[in-house]
Amino acid sequence: MHAGRACAAGAKDASGVLLLPGCARKVGVGGELAMEQVGKRAAARLDAILRHLSPRVGAAPAPTSVPTSAQVSAVTEPGRFCYTLDNDVLTTEQRQFYEDNGYLLIKKLVSDDDIERFRKEFLRICRREVNPPGAMIMKDESLRSQFGQSEKVVNKVQDFQEDEELFRYCTLPEVLKYVECFTGPNIMAMHTMLINKLPDSDKQTFLHPMHQDLHYFPFRPAARIVCSWTAMERADQNNGCLVVQPGTHKMPLKPHGYPKQGAGNKLFHGLLDEDEKIPRVHLVMEKGDTVFFHPLLIHGSGVNKTTGFRKSISCHFASSECYYIDVKNTTQEHLEKELAEMVRKKYNMTSAELRDIWNFRARLVQGERINL
């Protein structure tokens, strides 16, 4: 795979940083680890965060944080494609669609068998038969007395990088062949989630306000980051499907915070100044359909008006050639403080920075680990 025509020749991505060319060779995905190895690696990673995440032994030295504004410029160099790399997977029409709109939907990408395995593992986590190290199990506490610890209470499993069954999603060849079109061959899994959108009630809403994912990420360039989001069952306007504003990936990163009205779920930040004039598209998806989207694309999800659940599994991937930035004195600084406080309470730490948290979450899935 080779770098895109415009970006390969030294073009700048949306953050104004020179893009690195992709590599022609493709490195295979590593196999699953034995449970003993998983336990040792998980323990080592947890120990790392308690030690304020000192660089791993043998790992490439982490680059110095580049002090740069989180306000990402939308200016790109002249040329046809800057958001995808040259590849033999996407058609010209698909590349142009992503270039123009910031997302690309691939039908029936993930098999029913794989989705069923992910569903069963989620239920095991709900029943506490499995306790993935480092995972954040988010629940509707108002329902716990009624249903106990069950599928009817757990609305999200976040950071499942140490659960080998769920993490299989991040290593599926059919997913990675598309991811590589955006990131190049050296691929890190940065952020993992299985969302179980519960039926909404008067007390709690699981609407996620319109937002840009880059708000959460202290690494750049944005063009080498992509989210893979797979529907585990039909998602439509009734049960709270994804909603996107096509073309907004060309906009700068905007200020985010908690909504002024309605329930504010922890870390469910949204745009503080939303432009209602920008058209919205509801992504109706069937089981196994997968959408890939840019981290600056403005998107969200609606309320679940049904009595059932709406499950999805996702991962944000990034090129390992991306680098960390300093978010101080930017619109992301308040997020760092909120996350750091959560980590301090959970791990009894004295200090934590946003890049430390992401170092803990990150896991190589293909190629070489270079910066992240």
Protein backbone atom coordinates (compact mmCIF):
# COMPACT_ATOMS: atom_id res chain seq x y z
CA MET A 1 0.00 0.00 0.00
CA HIS A 2 1.36 3.39 -0.96
CA ALA A 3 0.59 6.83 0.37
CA GLY A 4 -2.15 8.82 -1.36
CA ARG A 5 -1.16 10.99 -4.27
CA ALA A 6 -1.59 14.35 -2.58
CA CYS A 7 -0.52 13.38 0.91
CA ALA A 8 2.37 11.10 0.02
CA ALA A 9 4.43 13.83 -1.57
CA GLY A 10 4.68 15.78 1.64
CA ALA A 11 1.12 17.10 1.86
CA LYS A 12 -0.25 18.21 5.20
CA ASP A 13 -3.24 16.64 6.89
CA ALA A 14 -5.99 18.58 8.65
CA SER A 15 -3.76 19.30 11.64
CA GLY A 16 -1.14 20.92 9.42
CA VAL A 17 1.40 18.15 9.96
CA LEU A 18 3.44 16.52 7.22
CA LEU A 19 2.05 13.05 6.50
CA LEU A 20 4.33 10.03 6.37
CA PRO A 21 4.14 7.77 3.32
CA GLY A 22 2.59 4.34 3.76
CA CYS A 23 4.53 1.11 3.38
CA ALA A 24 4.07 -1.33 0.54
CA ARG A 25 4.37 -4.51 2.58
CA LYS A 26 1.56 -5.83 4.75
CA VAL A 27 2.36 -7.41 8.08
CA GLY A 28 0.12 -10.19 9.38
CA VAL A 29 -1.96 -9.96 12.55
CA GLY A 30 -0.59 -11.80 15.58
CA GLY A 31 -2.47 -14.81 16.95
CA GLU A 32 -4.30 -14.96 20.25
CA LEU A 33 -2.25 -15.25 23.42
CA ALA A 34 -2.51 -18.03 25.96
CA MET A 35 -4.48 -17.09 29.07
CA GLU A 36 -1.33 -17.12 31.22
CA GLN A 37 0.32 -14.65 28.86
CA VAL A 38 -2.79 -12.47 28.89
CA GLY A 39 -2.75 -12.36 32.66
CA LYS A 40 0.92 -11.40 32.76
CA ARG A 41 0.48 -8.72 30.09
CA ALA A 42 -2.63 -7.31 31.76
CA ALA A 43 -0.84 -7.17 35.11
CA ALA A 44 2.12 -5.45 33.50
CA ARG A 45 -0.12 -2.87 31.84
CA LEU A 46 -2.00 -2.16 35.04
CA ASP A 47 1.27 -1.86 36.90
CA ALA A 48 2.41 0.58 34.24
CA ILE A 49 -0.46 2.95 34.81
CA LEU A 50 0.10 2.82 38.56
CA ARG A 51 3.69 3.83 37.88
CA HIS A 52 2.45 6.74 35.79
CA LEU A 53 3.09 4.66 32.69
CA SER A 54 6.84 4.71 32.33
CA PRO A 55 7.96 3.73 28.79
CA ARG A 56 7.88 -0.04 28.19
CA VAL A 57 11.19 -1.88 28.16
CA GLY A 58 12.30 -2.45 24.61
CA ALA A 59 9.69 -0.13 23.19
CA ALA A 60 10.61 2.67 20.86
CA PRO A 61 11.21 5.85 22.87
CA ALA A 62 8.13 7.99 23.02
CA PRO A 63 8.53 11.25 21.16
CA THR A 64 8.40 14.48 23.05
CA SER A 65 4.90 15.93 23.14
CA VAL A 66 4.50 18.44 20.39
CA PRO A 67 2.95 21.60 21.83
CA THR A 68 0.24 22.33 19.31
CA SER A 69 -3.28 23.61 19.44
CA ALA A 70 -6.08 21.09 19.43
CA GLN A 71 -7.86 23.44 17.03
CA VAL A 72 -7.22 21.41 13.90
CA SER A 73 -6.97 23.31 10.66
CA ALA A 74 -9.15 22.05 7.82
CA VAL A 75 -6.75 23.28 5.15
CA THR A 76 -5.31 20.57 2.88
CA GLU A 77 -2.90 20.65 -0.03
CA PRO A 78 -4.30 20.49 -3.56
CA GLY A 79 -4.85 16.93 -4.76
CA ARG A 80 -7.56 14.35 -5.05
CA PHE A 81 -7.22 12.19 -1.92
CA CYS A 82 -5.88 13.23 1.47
CA TYR A 83 -8.12 11.14 3.76
CA THR A 84 -7.30 7.72 2.30
CA LEU A 85 -4.11 6.02 1.12
CA ASP A 86 -3.63 4.35 -2.23
CA ASN A 87 -4.85 0.76 -1.97
CA ASP A 88 -6.42 -2.11 -3.88
CA VAL A 89 -9.43 -2.44 -1.55
CA LEU A 90 -11.47 0.74 -2.02
CA THR A 91 -12.86 1.73 -5.37
CA THR A 92 -12.29 5.25 -6.67
CA GLU A 93 -15.95 5.98 -5.95
CA GLN A 94 -15.60 4.80 -2.34
CA ARG A 95 -12.48 6.89 -1.79
CA GLN A 96 -14.21 9.95 -3.23
CA PHE A 97 -17.26 9.35 -1.03
CA TYR A 98 -15.08 9.24 2.09
CA GLU A 99 -13.14 12.29 0.88
CA ASP A 100 -16.37 14.25 0.48
CA ASN A 101 -18.40 12.93 3.43
CA GLY A 102 -15.98 11.61 6.06
CA TYR A 103 -17.53 8.15 6.39
CA LEU A 104 -17.98 4.94 4.41
CA LEU A 105 -20.52 2.18 5.07
CA ILE A 106 -19.62 -1.41 4.15
CA LYS A 107 -22.52 -3.87 4.16
CA LYS A 108 -22.31 -7.28 5.93
CA LEU A 109 -18.60 -6.97 6.70
CA VAL A 110 -18.62 -8.92 9.98
CA SER A 111 -20.12 -12.40 10.09
CA ASP A 112 -23.13 -13.46 12.17
CA ASP A 113 -20.95 -16.07 13.89
CA ASP A 114 -18.44 -13.46 15.08
CA ILE A 115 -21.20 -11.14 16.26
CA GLU A 116 -22.81 -13.98 18.22
CA ARG A 117 -19.47 -14.69 19.91
CA PHE A 118 -19.14 -11.01 20.88
CA ARG A 119 -22.71 -11.01 22.20
CA LYS A 120 -22.10 -14.08 24.38
CA GLU A 121 -18.92 -12.57 25.81
CA PHE A 122 -20.79 -9.35 26.62
CA LEU A 123 -23.42 -11.38 28.50
CA ARG A 124 -20.67 -13.18 30.44
CA ILE A 125 -19.26 -9.80 31.44
CA CYS A 126 -22.72 -8.64 32.49
CA ARG A 127 -23.09 -11.71 34.72
CA ARG A 128 -19.57 -11.16 36.13
CA GLU A 129 -18.40 -14.50 34.82
CA VAL A 130 -15.61 -12.55 33.11
CA ASN A 131 -13.84 -9.50 34.52
CA PRO A 132 -11.50 -8.02 31.85
CA PRO A 133 -8.58 -6.15 33.48
CA GLY A 134 -8.77 -2.41 32.90
CA ALA A 135 -12.26 -2.48 31.37
CA MET A 136 -14.81 0.12 32.40
CA ILE A 137 -18.28 -1.42 32.87
CA MET A 138 -20.83 1.39 32.67
CA LYS A 139 -24.30 0.81 34.10
CA ASP A 140 -27.63 2.47 34.70
CA GLU A 141 -27.52 2.38 38.49
CA SER A 142 -31.23 3.22 38.73
CA LEU A 143 -32.04 -0.22 37.28
CA ARG A 144 -29.66 -2.32 39.37
CA SER A 145 -32.11 -2.88 42.24
CA GLN A 146 -34.70 -4.10 39.74
CA PHE A 147 -32.56 -6.28 37.47
CA GLY A 148 -29.26 -6.81 39.32
CA GLN A 149 -26.10 -7.07 37.20
CA SER A 150 -27.50 -8.02 33.79
CA GLU A 151 -27.87 -7.01 30.15
CA LYS A 152 -30.75 -4.78 31.26
CA VAL A 153 -28.38 -2.65 33.35
CA VAL A 154 -25.00 -2.55 31.56
CA ASN A 155 -24.97 0.04 28.77
CA LYS A 156 -21.29 -0.03 27.80
CA VAL A 157 -18.09 -2.06 28.12
CA GLN A 158 -15.24 0.32 27.39
CA ASP A 159 -11.53 -0.49 27.02
CA PHE A 160 -11.89 -4.23 26.43
CA GLN A 161 -8.34 -4.53 25.07
CA GLU A 162 -7.53 -7.23 27.66
CA ASP A 163 -10.58 -9.37 26.84
CA GLU A 164 -9.24 -11.67 24.15
CA GLU A 165 -12.68 -12.66 22.87
CA LEU A 166 -13.98 -9.10 22.36
CA PHE A 167 -10.57 -7.90 21.18
CA ARG A 168 -10.81 -10.40 18.30
CA TYR A 169 -12.98 -7.72 16.66
CA CYS A 170 -9.93 -5.46 16.39
CA THR A 171 -7.92 -8.17 14.64
CA LEU A 172 -10.51 -9.41 12.12
CA PRO A 173 -8.78 -9.46 8.70
CA GLU A 174 -11.94 -8.24 6.98
CA VAL A 175 -11.92 -5.15 9.24
CA LEU A 176 -8.18 -4.48 9.12
CA LYS A 177 -8.01 -4.59 5.32
CA TYR A 178 -10.27 -1.51 5.30
CA VAL A 179 -8.58 0.14 8.29
CA GLU A 180 -5.23 0.00 6.49
CA CYS A 181 -6.69 2.14 3.71
CA PHE A 182 -6.89 4.99 6.23
CA THR A 183 -4.00 4.36 8.63
CA GLY A 184 -1.35 2.55 6.61
CA PRO A 185 0.18 -0.83 7.62
CA ASN A 186 1.28 -0.02 11.20
CA ILE A 187 -1.98 -0.13 13.13
CA MET A 188 -2.77 0.53 16.78
CA ALA A 189 -6.12 -0.23 18.41
CA MET A 190 -6.57 2.88 20.56
CA HIS A 191 -10.09 2.81 21.95
CA THR A 192 -12.55 -0.10 22.20
CA MET A 193 -16.24 -0.13 23.08
CA LEU A 194 -19.22 -2.45 23.08
CA ILE A 195 -22.32 -0.32 23.46
CA ASN A 196 -25.62 -1.77 24.64
CA LYS A 197 -28.05 1.12 24.15
CA LEU A 198 -30.78 0.52 26.73
CA PRO A 199 -34.41 1.57 26.31
CA ASP A 200 -34.76 5.19 27.35
CA SER A 201 -36.83 6.19 30.34
CA ASP A 202 -37.96 9.34 32.10
CA LYS A 203 -35.02 9.05 34.51
CA GLN A 204 -32.22 8.26 32.08
CA THR A 205 -31.45 8.88 28.44
CA PHE A 206 -28.74 7.20 26.43
CA LEU A 207 -28.69 9.76 23.67
CA HIS A 208 -25.14 10.77 22.80
CA PRO A 209 -25.08 14.42 21.72
CA MET A 210 -23.44 15.42 18.46
CA HIS A 211 -19.67 15.43 18.87
CA GLN A 212 -16.28 14.89 17.23
CA ASP A 213 -14.24 11.95 18.47
CA LEU A 214 -10.97 13.86 18.09
CA HIS A 215 -12.05 15.81 21.17
CA TYR A 216 -11.05 12.74 23.21
CA PHE A 217 -7.75 11.99 21.44
CA PRO A 218 -4.39 13.61 22.32
CA PHE A 219 -2.69 12.28 19.18
CA ARG A 220 -2.39 13.42 15.59
CA PRO A 221 -2.60 13.59 12.59
CA ALA A 222 -6.37 13.24 12.41
CA ALA A 223 -6.28 11.85 8.85
CA ARG A 224 -4.48 8.71 10.07
CA ILE A 225 -7.17 7.87 12.65
CA VAL A 226 -10.36 6.00 11.80
CA CYS A 227 -13.24 4.44 13.70
CA SER A 228 -14.69 1.07 12.76
CA TRP A 229 -18.28 0.76 14.11
CA THR A 230 -20.22 -2.47 13.54
CA ALA A 231 -23.93 -2.97 14.17
CA MET A 232 -24.59 -6.15 16.19
CA GLU A 233 -28.27 -5.97 15.25
CA ARG A 234 -30.40 -3.71 13.10
CA ALA A 235 -29.93 -0.05 14.01
CA ASP A 236 -32.49 2.52 12.90
CA GLN A 237 -34.18 5.70 14.10
CA ASN A 238 -36.38 3.74 16.51
CA ASN A 239 -33.56 2.24 18.56
CA GLY A 240 -31.02 5.06 18.30
CA CYS A 241 -28.83 4.55 15.23
CA LEU A 242 -25.81 6.68 14.42
CA VAL A 243 -26.47 10.16 13.06
CA VAL A 244 -23.78 11.91 10.99
CA GLN A 245 -23.32 15.33 9.41
CA PRO A 246 -21.58 14.57 6.10
CA GLY A 247 -18.58 16.71 5.21
CA THR A 248 -17.96 18.02 8.73
CA HIS A 249 -14.65 16.11 8.91
CA LYS A 250 -13.21 19.07 7.00
CA MET A 251 -14.08 21.42 9.88
CA PRO A 252 -11.77 22.25 12.80
CA LEU A 253 -12.09 20.60 16.20
CA LYS A 254 -14.79 22.50 18.08
CA PRO A 255 -15.29 23.13 21.83
CA HIS A 256 -17.15 20.34 23.64
CA GLY A 257 -18.83 19.97 27.02
CA TYR A 258 -21.89 18.53 28.74
CA PRO A 259 -25.30 19.41 27.28
CA LYS A 260 -27.15 22.26 28.98
CA GLN A 261 -30.42 20.33 29.00
CA GLY A 262 -31.24 16.69 29.60
CA ALA A 263 -29.31 13.94 31.34
CA GLY A 264 -25.56 14.15 31.02
CA ASN A 265 -23.93 10.72 31.04
CA LYS A 266 -20.33 10.66 32.23
CA LEU A 267 -17.96 11.75 29.43
CA PHE A 268 -20.83 12.03 26.93
CA HIS A 269 -19.56 15.41 25.77
CA GLY A 270 -21.22 17.25 22.92
CA LEU A 271 -20.66 20.34 20.79
CA LEU A 272 -21.20 23.54 22.73
CA ASP A 273 -22.22 25.43 19.60
CA GLU A 274 -24.09 23.13 17.23
CA ASP A 275 -24.98 24.28 13.73
CA GLU A 276 -28.54 23.07 13.16
CA LYS A 277 -28.38 24.08 9.50
CA ILE A 278 -25.96 21.29 8.58
CA PRO A 279 -27.95 18.33 7.18
CA ARG A 280 -28.02 15.11 9.19
CA VAL A 281 -28.06 11.54 7.89
CA HIS A 282 -29.37 8.63 9.95
CA LEU A 283 -27.27 5.54 9.25
CA VAL A 284 -29.73 2.66 9.13
CA MET A 285 -27.62 -0.50 9.43
CA GLU A 286 -28.24 -4.24 9.49
CA LYS A 287 -26.34 -6.75 11.63
CA GLY A 288 -22.76 -6.97 10.44
CA ASP A 289 -22.80 -3.65 8.57
CA THR A 290 -19.74 -1.56 9.42
CA VAL A 291 -19.15 2.15 9.04
CA PHE A 292 -15.66 3.68 8.96
CA PHE A 293 -15.49 7.36 9.85
CA HIS A 294 -13.04 10.21 10.36
CA PRO A 295 -12.44 11.50 13.95
CA LEU A 296 -13.55 15.04 13.03
CA LEU A 297 -16.87 13.90 11.56
CA ILE A 298 -19.69 15.33 13.67
CA HIS A 299 -21.94 12.47 14.75
CA GLY A 300 -24.05 11.17 17.62
CA SER A 301 -26.86 8.72 18.30
CA GLY A 302 -30.53 9.09 19.10
CA VAL A 303 -32.66 7.71 21.90
CA ASN A 304 -33.81 4.09 22.01
CA LYS A 305 -37.60 4.27 21.79
CA THR A 306 -38.04 0.48 21.73
CA THR A 307 -38.23 -2.05 24.56
CA GLY A 308 -35.17 -3.92 23.28
CA PHE A 309 -31.45 -3.21 23.12
CA ARG A 310 -29.26 -1.78 20.36
CA LYS A 311 -25.76 -3.25 20.45
CA SER A 312 -22.68 -2.21 18.51
CA ILE A 313 -18.97 -2.95 18.78
CA SER A 314 -16.31 -0.47 17.73
CA CYS A 315 -12.64 0.39 17.76
CA HIS A 316 -10.73 3.57 16.98
CA PHE A 317 -7.60 2.68 15.07
CA ALA A 318 -4.60 4.91 14.44
CA SER A 319 -1.31 4.66 12.61
CA SER A 320 1.46 3.89 15.08
CA GLU A 321 3.32 6.72 13.34
CA CYS A 322 0.90 9.20 14.93
CA TYR A 323 2.31 11.22 17.84
CA TYR A 324 1.02 12.63 21.11
CA ILE A 325 0.33 16.32 21.59
CA ASP A 326 0.17 18.57 24.62
CA VAL A 327 -3.48 19.53 25.18
CA LYS A 328 -2.81 22.20 27.79
CA ASN A 329 -4.28 25.58 26.89
CA THR A 330 -6.53 23.98 24.27
CA THR A 331 -10.21 23.04 24.20
CA GLN A 332 -9.22 19.51 25.28
CA GLU A 333 -7.60 20.56 28.56
CA HIS A 334 -10.79 20.25 30.63
CA LEU A 335 -11.28 16.69 29.32
CA GLU A 336 -7.78 15.78 30.50
CA LYS A 337 -8.61 17.05 33.99
CA GLU A 338 -11.88 15.09 34.11
CA LEU A 339 -10.31 11.85 32.91
CA ALA A 340 -7.28 12.25 35.14
CA GLU A 341 -9.53 12.65 38.17
CA MET A 342 -11.42 9.46 37.27
CA VAL A 343 -8.15 7.54 36.87
CA ARG A 344 -6.76 8.89 40.14
CA LYS A 345 -9.83 7.67 42.01
CA LYS A 346 -9.92 4.26 40.34
CA TYR A 347 -6.19 3.50 40.64
CA ASN A 348 -5.33 5.66 43.67
CA MET A 349 -2.83 7.63 41.61
CA THR A 350 -1.35 10.98 42.48
CA SER A 351 -1.17 12.21 38.89
CA ALA A 352 -2.14 11.22 35.34
CA GLU A 353 -2.06 12.86 31.95
CA LEU A 354 -4.24 12.25 28.94
CA ARG A 355 -1.42 10.62 26.97
CA ASP A 356 -0.77 8.22 29.88
CA ILE A 357 -4.36 7.02 29.76
CA TRP A 358 -4.12 6.44 26.02
CA ASN A 359 -0.79 4.65 26.38
CA PHE A 360 -2.56 2.23 28.69
CA ARG A 361 -5.41 1.64 26.24
CA ALA A 362 -3.28 1.30 23.10
CA ARG A 363 -2.45 -2.12 21.66
CA LEU A 364 -0.65 -3.03 18.45
CA VAL A 365 -2.70 -5.13 16.01
CA GLN A 366 -0.59 -5.02 12.87
CA GLY A 367 2.90 -4.00 11.79
CA GLU A 368 5.36 -2.12 14.00
CA ARG A 369 4.83 0.04 17.06
CA ILE A 370 6.61 3.29 16.28
CA ASN A 371 5.30 6.23 18.33
CA LEU A 372 1.98 5.54 20.00
